[in-house]
Amino acid sequence: MSREERMREVRREPEIMLAVADARIAWVLEHPHMSDWLKQALRTADGLDPIGLQNDIEMLRHLIVPRAQAQIEITMTSLFVE
């Protein structure tokens, strides 16, 4: 494979990754058991600045995951206490 062919192959990779991501998002949007919250977030994210979006997602991960884990732990603890 020539250098030019390798460069074209590398160049296409982000487009392939985008196509895969878009297909997965479409699947979630069409799936009846996915939450409305998630679907709305995906629709709202479409077309946003990808760097800002990635930063927002990271903030959500730091805020929502610990909260959800704490809520689950509280629920599990109350099940075993009663």
Protein backbone atom coordinates (compact mmCIF):
# COMPACT_ATOMS: atom_id res chain seq x y z
CA MET A 1 0.00 0.00 0.00
CA SER A 2 1.42 3.36 -1.00
CA ARG A 3 1.75 6.31 1.37
CA GLU A 4 -1.12 8.07 -0.42
CA GLU A 5 -3.37 5.03 -0.01
CA ARG A 6 -2.52 4.84 3.70
CA MET A 7 -3.29 8.54 4.12
CA ARG A 8 -6.66 8.08 2.42
CA GLU A 9 -7.38 5.08 4.64
CA VAL A 10 -6.55 7.06 7.78
CA ARG A 11 -8.56 9.99 6.48
CA ARG A 12 -11.67 7.82 6.09
CA GLU A 13 -11.54 6.42 9.59
CA PRO A 14 -13.32 9.37 11.31
CA GLU A 15 -16.07 9.23 8.71
CA ILE A 16 -16.55 5.53 9.42
CA MET A 17 -16.62 6.19 13.15
CA LEU A 18 -19.21 8.93 12.60
CA ALA A 19 -21.37 6.63 10.46
CA VAL A 20 -21.25 3.91 13.15
CA ALA A 21 -22.11 6.42 15.88
CA ASP A 22 -25.00 7.81 13.83
CA ALA A 23 -26.34 4.30 13.23
CA ARG A 24 -26.21 3.54 16.94
CA ILE A 25 -27.95 6.81 17.78
CA ALA A 26 -30.65 6.05 15.22
CA TRP A 27 -31.15 2.62 16.81
CA VAL A 28 -31.59 4.19 20.26
CA LEU A 29 -34.03 6.80 18.90
CA GLU A 30 -36.11 4.06 17.28
CA HIS A 31 -36.02 1.68 20.25
CA PRO A 32 -39.31 1.83 22.21
CA HIS A 33 -37.73 0.91 25.55
CA MET A 34 -35.14 3.70 25.63
CA SER A 35 -36.02 6.61 27.89
CA ASP A 36 -37.52 9.81 26.54
CA TRP A 37 -34.81 11.69 28.47
CA LEU A 38 -32.05 9.90 26.54
CA LYS A 39 -33.80 10.34 23.21
CA GLN A 40 -34.32 14.05 23.83
CA ALA A 41 -30.66 14.45 24.84
CA LEU A 42 -29.55 12.75 21.62
CA ARG A 43 -31.84 14.92 19.50
CA THR A 44 -30.68 18.08 21.28
CA ALA A 45 -27.01 17.11 20.87
CA ASP A 46 -27.33 16.80 17.09
CA GLY A 47 -25.49 19.68 15.46
CA LEU A 48 -23.89 21.06 18.62
CA ASP A 49 -20.20 21.92 18.82
CA PRO A 50 -18.54 18.52 19.37
CA ILE A 51 -15.93 19.85 21.80
CA GLY A 52 -18.53 21.61 23.94
CA LEU A 53 -20.74 18.53 23.76
CA GLN A 54 -17.91 16.26 24.87
CA ASN A 55 -17.21 18.60 27.80
CA ASP A 56 -20.90 18.58 28.78
CA ILE A 57 -21.02 14.78 28.64
CA GLU A 58 -17.97 14.57 30.87
CA MET A 59 -19.61 16.93 33.38
CA LEU A 60 -22.77 14.80 33.34
CA ARG A 61 -20.68 11.72 33.99
CA HIS A 62 -19.08 13.37 37.03
CA LEU A 63 -22.41 14.66 38.35
CA ILE A 64 -25.06 12.10 37.48
CA VAL A 65 -23.18 8.81 37.89
CA PRO A 66 -22.25 9.40 41.57
CA ARG A 67 -25.76 10.66 42.29
CA ALA A 68 -27.38 7.62 40.69
CA GLN A 69 -24.96 5.29 42.49
CA ALA A 70 -25.82 6.90 45.83
CA GLN A 71 -29.55 6.64 45.12
CA ILE A 72 -29.18 2.97 44.22
CA GLU A 73 -27.18 2.31 47.38
CA ILE A 74 -29.81 4.06 49.51
CA THR A 75 -32.53 1.99 47.88
CA MET A 76 -30.62 -1.26 48.30
CA THR A 77 -29.83 -0.48 51.93
CA SER A 78 -33.47 0.27 52.70
CA LEU A 79 -34.52 -3.05 51.15
CA PHE A 80 -32.25 -4.98 53.48
CA VAL A 81 -33.07 -2.92 56.59
CA GLU A 82 -36.83 -3.40 56.38
